[in-house]
Structures are given as C-alpha cells and as structure tokens.
Amino acid sequence: MELTVILEQGENGYVIATCPSLPGCHTQGSTEAEALANIREAIAACLAALNDRARREAEKSKKRRPVEVLL
C-alpha cells in the first residue's frame, strides 16, 4: 500500500509529517528521517484503530461477518 505523506517545516524547527488520507494522522520529528519513521508508526496505529472499530461494528450484526484481507 502506498500513501501520500506531506512534510513541512514547523515553526519550532521540527519536521511535521501528515497523512492526508487519514484525517488526524500526523506527527513530527527533529529530522525528516525521524518524522518519516514516526508517521509510519502513526499510520499503522490509525489503520489498526479503524480496523478494530469496523470489526466491532460488524460483529454486532447477525448479517455481517468480518473477514481478514492481506494487502
């Protein structure tokens, strides 16, 4: 999976990384490399949280069944 990440220089000297595809998914780092490492972790956490929420909602219904799909 490939996601676009936006990097920008923050006022405090840190590099801010944002993933526009996942609203609210952003982080920062003291270097570009650190910001990119941090946004990878943030993206993984956001996707895991969204997936958990979707699974819980599907399990509430008798007509729905969650199925795992690997990307």
Protein backbone atom coordinates (compact mmCIF):
# COMPACT_ATOMS: atom_id res chain seq x y z
CA MET A 1 0.00 0.00 0.00
CA GLU A 2 1.27 3.43 -0.84
CA LEU A 3 0.06 6.57 0.95
CA THR A 4 0.99 10.19 0.38
CA VAL A 5 2.67 11.95 3.29
CA ILE A 6 3.16 15.72 3.42
CA LEU A 7 6.29 17.06 5.12
CA GLU A 8 6.63 20.66 6.21
CA GLN A 9 8.96 22.64 8.43
CA GLY A 10 7.30 23.62 11.69
CA GLU A 11 7.81 26.95 13.43
CA ASN A 12 9.68 25.19 16.25
CA GLY A 13 12.27 23.67 13.88
CA TYR A 14 10.69 20.23 13.83
CA VAL A 15 9.57 18.50 10.63
CA ILE A 16 5.82 17.90 10.63
CA ALA A 17 4.50 14.82 8.78
CA THR A 18 0.83 14.47 7.85
CA CYS A 19 -1.05 11.69 6.04
CA PRO A 20 -4.00 13.46 4.34
CA SER A 21 -5.71 10.14 3.56
CA LEU A 22 -6.14 9.53 7.29
CA PRO A 23 -7.58 12.65 8.92
CA GLY A 24 -5.90 13.34 12.23
CA CYS A 25 -2.87 11.23 11.39
CA HIS A 26 0.15 13.45 11.91
CA THR A 27 3.37 13.56 13.88
CA GLN A 28 6.71 15.30 13.95
CA GLY A 29 10.41 14.64 14.23
CA SER A 30 13.61 16.57 14.71
CA THR A 31 14.76 15.41 11.25
CA GLU A 32 12.99 14.36 8.06
CA ALA A 33 14.07 10.74 8.63
CA GLU A 34 12.67 10.79 12.17
CA ALA A 35 9.40 12.37 11.01
CA LEU A 36 9.02 9.68 8.32
CA ALA A 37 9.70 6.89 10.83
CA ASN A 38 7.17 8.44 13.20
CA ILE A 39 4.47 8.83 10.51
CA ARG A 40 4.87 5.16 9.55
CA GLU A 41 4.08 4.26 13.16
CA ALA A 42 1.20 6.74 13.26
CA ILE A 43 -0.29 5.36 10.02
CA ALA A 44 -0.08 1.80 11.36
CA ALA A 45 -1.78 2.87 14.60
CA CYS A 46 -4.54 4.78 12.75
CA LEU A 47 -5.25 1.86 10.42
CA ALA A 48 -5.32 -0.61 13.32
CA ALA A 49 -7.77 1.58 15.23
CA LEU A 50 -10.04 1.99 12.20
CA ASN A 51 -9.91 -1.75 11.53
CA ASP A 52 -10.75 -2.60 15.15
CA ARG A 53 -13.70 -0.21 15.09
CA ALA A 54 -15.00 -1.71 11.83
CA ARG A 55 -14.63 -5.26 13.18
CA ARG A 56 -16.56 -4.42 16.36
CA GLU A 57 -19.36 -2.85 14.33
CA ALA A 58 -19.57 -5.86 12.00
CA GLU A 59 -19.68 -8.29 14.93
CA LYS A 60 -22.76 -6.51 16.32
CA SER A 61 -24.78 -7.56 13.28
CA LYS A 62 -26.01 -11.09 12.61
CA LYS A 63 -25.95 -10.40 8.86
CA ARG A 64 -22.33 -9.29 8.73
CA ARG A 65 -19.16 -11.30 9.16
CA PRO A 66 -15.70 -9.75 9.35
CA VAL A 67 -13.08 -11.36 7.08
CA GLU A 68 -9.36 -10.51 7.08
CA VAL A 69 -7.75 -9.48 3.76
CA LEU A 70 -3.99 -9.13 3.45
CA LEU A 71 -2.57 -6.29 1.38
